[in-house]
Amino acid sequence: MIGGVFVYNHKGEVLISRVFRDAITRTAVDAFRVSVIHARHTVRSPVTNIARTSYFHTKRGNVWIVAATRQNVNAALVFEFLHKMVDVLESYFGTITEENIKNNFVLIYELLDEILDFGYPQKTDSGILKTYITQQGIRTQSTEEQKQITSQVTGQIGWRREGIKYRRNELFLDVLESANLLMSPQGQVLSSHVSGRVIMKSYLSGMPECKFGMNDKLVVEKQAKPSTAEAATLEQQLSKKGVSGRSGIAIDDCTFHQCVKLSKFETERSISFIPPDGEFELMKYRTTKDITLPFRVIPLVRETSRTHMEIKVVLKSLFKTVLSAQKVEVHIPTPPNTSGVKVTTLRGKAKYKSGENAIVWRLRHMQGMKETQLTAEIELLSTEGPKSKQTARPPISMNFEVPFACSGLKVRYLKVFEPKLNYSDHDVIKWVRYISKSGLYETRSQSNY
């Protein structure tokens, strides 16, 4: 597996050196410094082969973190370990810098001995490591604590310790999405996708098992009967509330936290897991179909002369009237030879920023199914001589925040089971929130500069 882990500074000096296999020698350490760090040309590939030795590196600021091996290993696994190692180090002493590495080199060697065993990655969860490794060293523990740590390190549930108790059991679920759009001047959607994350904050006692259901198309289109009486009851409750159990979204791809039982998801399409304590990312997903666009931008550009231009931008909100968008901001680019701008708006405030060559239009909030507009008269500097080559006009971009999921994702149910302690699903207080923000939300305009 991994033959050695090394940390270099920008000069190529070795700050940390931990060798796990005899095949990796001091010559291998020097070879990476000469061939990569001190190379005449910038080395773009994160994998470098030198003298039958493979080097996998990642860079944080001026610090190089390198894994070396002479075996044919899984490259993705090595990079996953390097990124996990970076996360662990940052959880102990913050940003990875040369000074922090030197100040904590004893701690780093202790961590390397725990997260790697003869070159094979072991536990890389910072929450578990912090139970028995501190910045001052290994803490003295009783026999019971040592047994508990051993079960966490070697057991199946390494992301949660036993004995957690809360006076009030609560679950917070946030569906956070980023809407991306590129629209033509005629209103045709050229490309669009939504990237989403499900963030959960768990404050539950004991070792509870949670079941999370959403309107995934693979779930709701499943024609088989509910496998359990509980699932049948949920379907009846949804139908009584007017929530269609057969309308879902098509998720293109998704990734889950390590606590999710993938076998149940593949067979039953249910997300079952024992949550870590505190905040964590339950899943990430991406969808490209049936996206609800929150806003439509209609740009109208008219060039009356070589020194005068008029721009009219109509902004329409396309969501329900009971909802309201926050932090709405529209960036309207102007020509590079702009000398003056006069802006009038029906709502909000607009200002010309010469440093950005753009008009920035801000609205604190905007209700659904509303329409407003901005009109700008732009004075241009006259250019002498032959007409210069026209350049394409940059697209109009938007920033916003709306309280719903643009992908259409809905949380159908969130159940908690804890058989050992005396509390049921009805005793757990649950909060669900939907927030969609703008990613790259752009609309092209017609004319050129």
Protein backbone atom coordinates (compact mmCIF):
# COMPACT_ATOMS: atom_id res chain seq x y z
CA MET A 1 0.00 0.00 0.00
CA ILE A 2 1.39 3.47 0.88
CA GLY A 3 5.14 3.26 1.39
CA GLY A 4 5.65 6.66 3.02
CA VAL A 5 4.06 10.02 3.77
CA PHE A 6 6.08 13.24 3.48
CA VAL A 7 5.37 16.92 4.02
CA TYR A 8 7.51 19.52 2.24
CA ASN A 9 7.65 23.30 2.40
CA HIS A 10 7.89 25.49 -0.71
CA LYS A 11 11.70 25.23 -0.66
CA GLY A 12 11.58 21.44 -0.79
CA GLU A 13 12.67 20.96 2.82
CA VAL A 14 11.18 17.90 4.49
CA LEU A 15 9.03 18.88 7.47
CA ILE A 16 7.46 15.47 8.17
CA SER A 17 8.79 12.09 7.06
CA ARG A 18 7.10 8.80 7.96
CA VAL A 19 8.22 5.65 6.10
CA PHE A 20 6.13 2.47 6.34
CA ARG A 21 7.87 0.25 3.77
CA ASP A 22 11.57 -0.49 3.31
CA ALA A 23 11.26 0.09 -0.43
CA ILE A 24 10.93 3.85 0.16
CA THR A 25 14.34 5.34 0.98
CA ARG A 26 15.84 8.79 1.42
CA THR A 27 16.60 8.81 -2.31
CA ALA A 28 12.88 8.68 -3.03
CA VAL A 29 12.34 11.72 -0.80
CA ASP A 30 14.97 13.73 -2.69
CA ALA A 31 13.65 12.60 -6.09
CA PHE A 32 10.28 14.27 -5.55
CA ARG A 33 11.90 17.52 -4.45
CA VAL A 34 14.14 17.67 -7.51
CA SER A 35 11.62 16.47 -10.11
CA VAL A 36 8.47 18.22 -8.92
CA ILE A 37 9.04 21.05 -6.43
CA HIS A 38 12.22 22.35 -8.11
CA ALA A 39 11.13 21.44 -11.65
CA ARG A 40 11.70 24.04 -14.36
CA HIS A 41 8.18 23.60 -15.67
CA THR A 42 5.07 23.52 -13.49
CA VAL A 43 3.96 19.95 -12.82
CA ARG A 44 0.20 19.89 -13.28
CA SER A 45 -0.45 16.19 -12.76
CA PRO A 46 -1.03 15.17 -9.12
CA VAL A 47 0.56 11.77 -9.87
CA THR A 48 4.25 11.53 -10.78
CA ASN A 49 6.26 8.38 -11.56
CA ILE A 50 10.00 8.58 -10.87
CA ALA A 51 12.31 5.56 -10.97
CA ARG A 52 9.45 3.05 -10.54
CA THR A 53 8.09 4.99 -7.57
CA SER A 54 4.66 6.67 -7.73
CA TYR A 55 4.13 9.96 -5.92
CA PHE A 56 0.64 11.28 -5.12
CA HIS A 57 0.59 14.86 -3.89
CA THR A 58 -1.81 17.59 -2.84
CA LYS A 59 -0.92 21.16 -1.98
CA ARG A 60 -2.22 23.47 0.75
CA GLY A 61 -0.75 26.95 0.45
CA ASN A 62 3.03 26.51 0.40
CA VAL A 63 2.92 23.01 1.90
CA TRP A 64 3.17 19.84 -0.18
CA ILE A 65 1.63 16.65 1.24
CA VAL A 66 2.93 13.57 -0.57
CA ALA A 67 2.26 9.82 -0.44
CA ALA A 68 4.85 7.55 -2.09
CA THR A 69 4.58 3.90 -3.06
CA ARG A 70 6.25 1.32 -5.31
CA GLN A 71 3.12 -0.80 -5.62
CA ASN A 72 0.24 -0.65 -8.09
CA VAL A 73 -2.26 0.94 -5.71
CA ASN A 74 -5.70 2.46 -6.16
CA ALA A 75 -4.99 6.13 -6.91
CA ALA A 76 -8.47 7.28 -5.86
CA LEU A 77 -8.03 5.61 -2.48
CA VAL A 78 -4.69 7.33 -1.90
CA PHE A 79 -6.08 10.77 -2.75
CA GLU A 80 -9.11 10.13 -0.53
CA PHE A 81 -6.71 9.34 2.31
CA LEU A 82 -4.65 12.49 1.66
CA HIS A 83 -7.75 14.69 1.78
CA LYS A 84 -8.94 12.93 4.95
CA MET A 85 -5.52 13.50 6.47
CA VAL A 86 -5.75 17.20 5.63
CA ASP A 87 -9.20 17.38 7.27
CA VAL A 88 -7.87 15.71 10.43
CA LEU A 89 -4.89 18.07 10.68
CA GLU A 90 -7.10 21.13 10.13
CA SER A 91 -9.49 19.95 12.84
CA TYR A 92 -6.58 19.89 15.32
CA PHE A 93 -4.65 23.08 14.56
CA GLY A 94 -6.51 24.98 11.83
CA THR A 95 -4.91 26.11 8.60
CA ILE A 96 -2.05 23.98 7.32
CA THR A 97 1.02 26.21 7.16
CA GLU A 98 4.72 25.59 7.57
CA GLU A 99 4.69 27.21 11.01
CA ASN A 100 1.76 25.12 12.21
CA ILE A 101 3.43 21.95 10.93
CA LYS A 102 6.62 22.74 12.86
CA ASN A 103 4.73 23.66 16.03
CA ASN A 104 2.71 20.44 16.00
CA PHE A 105 5.09 17.87 14.53
CA VAL A 106 4.83 15.60 17.58
CA LEU A 107 1.04 15.58 17.27
CA ILE A 108 1.27 14.89 13.52
CA TYR A 109 3.48 11.84 14.08
CA GLU A 110 0.99 10.54 16.66
CA LEU A 111 -1.85 11.00 14.19
CA LEU A 112 0.05 9.29 11.38
CA ASP A 113 0.64 6.27 13.60
CA GLU A 114 -3.10 6.05 14.23
CA ILE A 115 -4.51 6.71 10.76
CA LEU A 116 -1.96 4.49 8.94
CA ASP A 117 -0.90 0.97 9.88
CA PHE A 118 1.95 -0.40 7.76
CA GLY A 119 0.73 1.85 4.95
CA TYR A 120 -2.92 0.83 5.17
CA PRO A 121 -5.40 3.62 6.04
CA GLN A 122 -7.29 3.13 9.29
CA LYS A 123 -9.75 5.42 11.09
CA THR A 124 -9.62 9.02 9.83
CA ASP A 125 -12.59 10.41 11.75
CA SER A 126 -11.41 13.42 13.75
CA GLY A 127 -14.21 13.02 16.29
CA ILE A 128 -12.96 9.57 17.31
CA LEU A 129 -9.29 10.55 17.20
CA LYS A 130 -9.91 13.50 19.52
CA THR A 131 -11.24 11.20 22.23
CA TYR A 132 -7.74 9.93 22.98
CA ILE A 133 -5.26 12.15 21.09
CA THR A 134 -4.90 15.79 22.16
CA GLN A 135 -2.35 18.45 21.32
CA GLN A 136 -0.49 17.55 24.51
CA GLY A 137 -0.30 13.84 23.64
CA ILE A 138 -2.15 10.70 24.59
CA ARG A 139 -4.48 11.11 27.58
CA THR A 140 -4.40 8.60 30.42
CA GLN A 141 -7.64 6.66 30.52
CA SER A 142 -9.28 4.05 32.67
CA THR A 143 -9.82 0.47 31.55
CA GLU A 144 -13.48 1.13 30.71
CA GLU A 145 -12.61 4.16 28.58
CA GLN A 146 -9.94 2.19 26.76
CA LYS A 147 -12.45 -0.58 25.99
CA GLN A 148 -14.93 2.02 24.74
CA ILE A 149 -12.32 3.62 22.46
CA THR A 150 -11.25 0.22 21.14
CA SER A 151 -14.84 -0.64 20.22
CA GLN A 152 -15.22 2.70 18.44
CA VAL A 153 -11.99 2.35 16.48
CA THR A 154 -12.56 -1.26 15.44
CA GLY A 155 -16.36 -1.36 15.42
CA GLN A 156 -18.82 -0.62 12.63
CA ILE A 157 -20.11 2.63 14.17
CA GLY A 158 -16.98 4.72 14.43
CA TRP A 159 -18.71 8.04 13.83
CA ARG A 160 -20.76 8.03 17.05
CA ARG A 161 -19.86 7.23 20.64
CA GLU A 162 -22.16 5.59 23.13
CA GLY A 163 -23.65 7.21 26.20
CA ILE A 164 -24.85 10.46 24.56
CA LYS A 165 -27.76 12.04 26.46
CA TYR A 166 -29.85 15.16 25.85
CA ARG A 167 -32.70 16.62 27.85
CA ARG A 168 -34.55 17.38 24.64
CA ASN A 169 -34.15 15.29 21.50
CA GLU A 170 -34.07 17.44 18.35
CA LEU A 171 -33.34 17.02 14.65
CA PHE A 172 -32.61 19.89 12.26
CA LEU A 173 -32.70 19.14 8.54
CA ASP A 174 -31.60 21.72 5.94
CA VAL A 175 -32.03 21.17 2.21
CA LEU A 176 -29.54 23.58 0.64
CA GLU A 177 -29.49 23.95 -3.13
CA SER A 178 -27.53 25.94 -5.69
CA ALA A 179 -29.42 26.79 -8.89
CA ASN A 180 -27.36 27.20 -12.08
CA LEU A 181 -28.75 28.55 -15.33
CA LEU A 182 -27.64 29.84 -18.73
CA MET A 183 -30.48 31.36 -20.76
CA SER A 184 -30.47 32.78 -24.28
CA PRO A 185 -31.75 36.30 -25.08
CA GLN A 186 -34.90 34.72 -26.54
CA GLY A 187 -35.68 32.98 -23.23
CA GLN A 188 -34.48 29.50 -24.21
CA VAL A 189 -32.77 27.51 -21.46
CA LEU A 190 -29.33 26.53 -22.79
CA SER A 191 -28.18 24.68 -19.67
CA SER A 192 -29.44 24.27 -16.14
CA HIS A 193 -28.77 22.08 -13.15
CA VAL A 194 -29.22 22.09 -9.39
CA SER A 195 -26.58 20.94 -6.93
CA GLY A 196 -27.95 20.17 -3.49
CA ARG A 197 -26.87 19.13 -0.02
CA VAL A 198 -28.86 17.73 2.87
CA ILE A 199 -27.33 18.99 6.13
CA MET A 200 -28.48 17.48 9.40
CA LYS A 201 -27.92 18.55 13.00
CA SER A 202 -28.57 15.67 15.35
CA TYR A 203 -29.10 16.12 19.08
CA LEU A 204 -30.41 12.66 19.96
CA SER A 205 -29.77 10.48 22.99
CA GLY A 206 -28.45 6.93 22.76
CA MET A 207 -27.84 5.13 19.47
CA PRO A 208 -30.94 5.97 17.41
CA GLU A 209 -31.68 4.73 13.93
CA CYS A 210 -33.19 7.27 11.55
CA LYS A 211 -35.12 6.72 8.34
CA PHE A 212 -35.25 9.52 5.82
CA GLY A 213 -37.59 9.56 2.84
CA MET A 214 -37.75 11.95 -0.12
CA ASN A 215 -39.68 12.16 -3.37
CA ASP A 216 -36.98 10.53 -5.45
CA LYS A 217 -38.42 9.32 -8.75
CA LEU A 218 -36.97 5.85 -8.23
CA VAL A 219 -38.83 5.68 -4.94
CA VAL A 220 -42.22 7.02 -5.94
CA GLU A 221 -42.39 5.19 -9.26
CA LYS A 222 -41.81 1.86 -7.60
CA GLN A 223 -45.00 -0.07 -8.25
CA ALA A 224 -44.41 -2.70 -5.59
CA LYS A 225 -46.59 -2.61 -2.52
CA PRO A 226 -45.20 -1.10 0.69
CA SER A 227 -42.90 -3.62 2.33
CA THR A 228 -44.03 -2.82 5.86
CA ALA A 229 -47.21 -1.72 7.60
CA GLU A 230 -45.42 1.49 8.58
CA ALA A 231 -44.71 2.34 4.93
CA ALA A 232 -48.36 1.71 4.04
CA THR A 233 -49.47 4.02 6.85
CA LEU A 234 -47.16 6.75 5.59
CA GLU A 235 -48.60 6.46 2.08
CA GLN A 236 -52.13 6.83 3.48
CA GLN A 237 -51.15 9.87 5.54
CA LEU A 238 -49.57 11.52 2.51
CA SER A 239 -52.64 10.94 0.37
CA LYS A 240 -54.94 12.38 3.05
CA LYS A 241 -52.83 15.53 3.27
CA GLY A 242 -53.04 15.99 -0.48
CA VAL A 243 -49.40 15.16 -1.07
CA SER A 244 -49.07 12.98 -4.11
CA GLY A 245 -46.89 10.02 -3.37
CA ARG A 246 -46.35 9.38 -7.08
CA SER A 247 -44.77 12.65 -8.21
CA GLY A 248 -41.02 12.76 -7.74
CA ILE A 249 -37.79 14.22 -9.01
CA ALA A 250 -35.15 12.51 -11.10
CA ILE A 251 -31.84 12.62 -9.24
CA ASP A 252 -28.93 12.19 -11.65
CA ASP A 253 -26.31 11.26 -9.06
CA CYS A 254 -25.94 11.35 -5.29
CA THR A 255 -23.38 10.56 -2.60
CA PHE A 256 -24.04 9.70 1.03
CA HIS A 257 -22.33 10.04 4.39
CA GLN A 258 -20.60 6.89 5.60
CA CYS A 259 -23.35 6.34 8.21
CA VAL A 260 -25.97 5.54 5.52
CA LYS A 261 -26.68 1.84 4.99
CA LEU A 262 -26.23 1.56 1.25
CA SER A 263 -27.59 -2.00 1.09
CA LYS A 264 -31.02 -0.81 2.23
CA PHE A 265 -30.93 2.11 -0.17
CA GLU A 266 -30.19 -0.16 -3.14
CA THR A 267 -32.90 -2.68 -2.27
CA GLU A 268 -35.64 -0.64 -0.55
CA ARG A 269 -34.63 2.86 -1.73
CA SER A 270 -34.85 4.03 1.89
CA ILE A 271 -32.12 6.07 3.56
CA SER A 272 -31.49 4.40 6.91
CA PHE A 273 -28.66 5.51 9.18
CA ILE A 274 -27.36 6.00 12.72
CA PRO A 275 -26.48 9.72 12.72
CA PRO A 276 -23.26 11.22 14.09
CA ASP A 277 -23.69 13.60 17.00
CA GLY A 278 -23.91 17.24 15.92
CA GLU A 279 -23.82 18.64 12.38
CA PHE A 280 -22.92 16.56 9.32
CA GLU A 281 -23.67 16.30 5.60
CA LEU A 282 -26.10 13.45 5.05
CA MET A 283 -26.04 13.48 1.25
CA LYS A 284 -25.17 15.43 -1.88
CA TYR A 285 -27.13 15.22 -5.10
CA ARG A 286 -27.47 16.74 -8.57
CA THR A 287 -30.46 17.01 -10.87
CA THR A 288 -30.95 18.45 -14.37
CA LYS A 289 -34.65 17.76 -15.10
CA ASP A 290 -37.87 19.56 -14.14
CA ILE A 291 -36.09 22.43 -12.41
CA THR A 292 -38.22 25.27 -11.05
CA LEU A 293 -36.59 28.52 -12.15
CA PRO A 294 -37.15 31.21 -9.48
CA PHE A 295 -36.50 34.22 -11.75
CA ARG A 296 -36.62 35.24 -15.37
CA VAL A 297 -34.50 38.13 -16.63
CA ILE A 298 -35.55 39.83 -19.89
CA PRO A 299 -32.89 42.24 -21.21
CA LEU A 300 -33.66 44.82 -23.88
CA VAL A 301 -30.71 46.79 -25.33
CA ARG A 302 -31.05 49.68 -27.78
CA GLU A 303 -28.09 51.61 -29.21
CA THR A 304 -29.39 54.99 -30.32
CA SER A 305 -25.96 56.26 -31.42
CA ARG A 306 -22.26 55.58 -31.02
CA THR A 307 -22.26 57.59 -27.77
CA HIS A 308 -25.61 56.64 -26.30
CA MET A 309 -27.21 53.35 -25.26
CA GLU A 310 -30.40 52.41 -23.45
CA ILE A 311 -30.80 49.25 -21.41
CA LYS A 312 -34.06 47.96 -20.00
CA VAL A 313 -34.10 44.90 -17.75
CA VAL A 314 -37.36 43.26 -16.71
CA LEU A 315 -37.18 40.95 -13.67
CA LYS A 316 -39.97 38.42 -13.07
CA SER A 317 -40.37 36.13 -10.07
CA LEU A 318 -41.84 32.76 -11.08
CA PHE A 319 -42.57 31.15 -7.70
CA LYS A 320 -45.69 31.16 -5.51
CA THR A 321 -47.06 34.43 -4.20
CA VAL A 322 -46.91 33.26 -0.57
CA LEU A 323 -43.11 33.01 -0.80
CA SER A 324 -40.58 35.82 -0.80
CA ALA A 325 -37.02 35.94 -2.15
CA GLN A 326 -34.26 37.58 -0.14
CA LYS A 327 -30.94 39.22 -1.06
CA VAL A 328 -31.86 39.67 -4.73
CA GLU A 329 -29.05 41.20 -6.75
CA VAL A 330 -28.73 41.70 -10.53
CA HIS A 331 -25.38 42.51 -12.20
CA ILE A 332 -25.84 44.24 -15.56
CA PRO A 333 -22.53 44.69 -17.46
CA THR A 334 -21.82 47.95 -19.28
CA PRO A 335 -19.39 48.70 -22.16
CA PRO A 336 -15.75 49.41 -21.21
CA ASN A 337 -15.97 52.96 -22.64
CA THR A 338 -18.87 54.02 -20.41
CA SER A 339 -18.57 57.63 -19.24
CA GLY A 340 -21.84 58.09 -17.36
CA VAL A 341 -24.95 56.16 -16.34
CA LYS A 342 -28.42 57.34 -15.32
CA VAL A 343 -30.48 54.60 -13.68
CA THR A 344 -34.16 54.50 -12.71
CA THR A 345 -35.86 51.54 -10.99
CA LEU A 346 -39.39 50.73 -9.93
CA ARG A 347 -38.16 48.83 -6.86
CA GLY A 348 -34.90 48.48 -5.00
CA LYS A 349 -31.71 50.47 -5.43
CA ALA A 350 -29.35 50.49 -8.40
CA LYS A 351 -25.86 51.92 -8.66
CA TYR A 352 -23.22 52.03 -11.38
CA LYS A 353 -19.83 50.66 -10.30
CA SER A 354 -17.09 51.80 -12.62
CA GLY A 355 -14.56 49.41 -11.14
CA GLU A 356 -16.72 46.43 -12.14
CA ASN A 357 -18.07 47.97 -15.39
CA ALA A 358 -21.53 47.00 -14.24
CA ILE A 359 -24.80 48.29 -12.83
CA VAL A 360 -25.64 46.54 -9.55
CA TRP A 361 -29.36 46.37 -8.80
CA ARG A 362 -30.28 45.26 -5.27
CA LEU A 363 -33.67 44.33 -3.81
CA ARG A 364 -34.05 43.35 -0.17
CA HIS A 365 -36.96 41.05 -0.92
CA MET A 366 -39.34 40.23 -3.75
CA GLN A 367 -42.67 38.43 -3.55
CA GLY A 368 -43.61 35.62 -5.90
CA MET A 369 -45.35 36.23 -9.23
CA LYS A 370 -44.21 39.87 -9.28
CA GLU A 371 -42.56 41.93 -12.00
CA THR A 372 -40.30 44.95 -11.82
CA GLN A 373 -37.90 46.69 -14.16
CA LEU A 374 -34.79 48.83 -14.42
CA THR A 375 -34.02 51.42 -17.10
CA ALA A 376 -30.54 52.81 -17.69
CA GLU A 377 -29.30 55.49 -20.07
CA ILE A 378 -25.59 55.03 -20.77
CA GLU A 379 -23.29 57.68 -22.20
CA LEU A 380 -20.29 56.31 -24.08
CA LEU A 381 -16.94 57.86 -24.93
CA SER A 382 -16.60 58.44 -28.65
CA THR A 383 -13.87 56.44 -30.34
CA GLU A 384 -11.87 57.98 -33.18
CA GLY A 385 -10.67 56.15 -36.25
CA PRO A 386 -12.00 52.90 -37.71
CA LYS A 387 -14.51 50.98 -35.69
CA SER A 388 -12.79 48.57 -33.35
CA LYS A 389 -13.57 44.88 -33.28
CA GLN A 390 -16.76 44.12 -31.39
CA THR A 391 -16.60 41.90 -28.35
CA ALA A 392 -19.39 39.76 -26.99
CA ARG A 393 -21.44 41.31 -24.22
CA PRO A 394 -21.00 39.54 -20.86
CA PRO A 395 -24.20 37.92 -19.61
CA ILE A 396 -26.42 39.42 -16.93
CA SER A 397 -25.96 37.50 -13.67
CA MET A 398 -28.13 37.17 -10.59
CA ASN A 399 -27.78 36.43 -6.90
CA PHE A 400 -30.74 35.45 -4.74
CA GLU A 401 -32.02 33.29 -1.91
CA VAL A 402 -35.47 31.64 -1.96
CA PRO A 403 -37.16 29.46 0.70
CA PHE A 404 -37.87 26.40 -1.43
CA ALA A 405 -36.02 23.68 -3.31
CA CYS A 406 -35.61 24.49 -7.00
CA SER A 407 -35.17 20.80 -7.80
CA GLY A 408 -38.57 19.99 -6.31
CA LEU A 409 -37.11 17.75 -3.61
CA LYS A 410 -39.45 17.19 -0.67
CA VAL A 411 -38.85 15.45 2.63
CA ARG A 412 -41.63 12.87 2.80
CA TYR A 413 -40.84 11.55 6.26
CA LEU A 414 -38.12 11.49 8.92
CA LYS A 415 -38.48 8.78 11.53
CA VAL A 416 -36.39 8.08 14.64
CA PHE A 417 -36.20 4.70 16.42
CA GLU A 418 -34.41 4.12 19.73
CA PRO A 419 -35.48 0.82 21.36
CA LYS A 420 -33.09 0.97 24.32
CA LEU A 421 -34.19 4.37 25.71
CA ASN A 422 -37.67 5.41 26.67
CA TYR A 423 -38.44 7.86 23.90
CA SER A 424 -40.24 7.39 20.60
CA ASP A 425 -40.45 9.19 17.29
CA HIS A 426 -43.23 11.44 18.61
CA ASP A 427 -40.95 12.73 21.39
CA VAL A 428 -38.38 14.06 18.90
CA ILE A 429 -38.70 17.69 17.80
CA LYS A 430 -37.96 17.99 14.07
CA TRP A 431 -37.23 21.04 11.96
CA VAL A 432 -37.03 21.03 8.15
CA ARG A 433 -35.88 24.03 6.11
CA TYR A 434 -35.47 24.55 2.35
CA ILE A 435 -33.09 27.18 0.97
CA SER A 436 -32.05 27.66 -2.65
CA LYS A 437 -29.32 30.11 -3.59
CA SER A 438 -28.00 31.21 -6.94
CA GLY A 439 -24.99 29.49 -8.38
CA LEU A 440 -24.05 30.67 -11.87
CA TYR A 441 -27.40 32.16 -12.88
CA GLU A 442 -26.89 34.03 -16.14
CA THR A 443 -28.91 35.43 -19.04
CA ARG A 444 -27.30 36.43 -22.31
CA SER A 445 -28.17 39.70 -24.03
CA GLN A 446 -28.43 40.27 -27.76
CA SER A 447 -26.11 42.97 -29.00
CA ASN A 448 -22.32 43.23 -28.90
CA TYR A 449 -20.12 46.12 -27.76
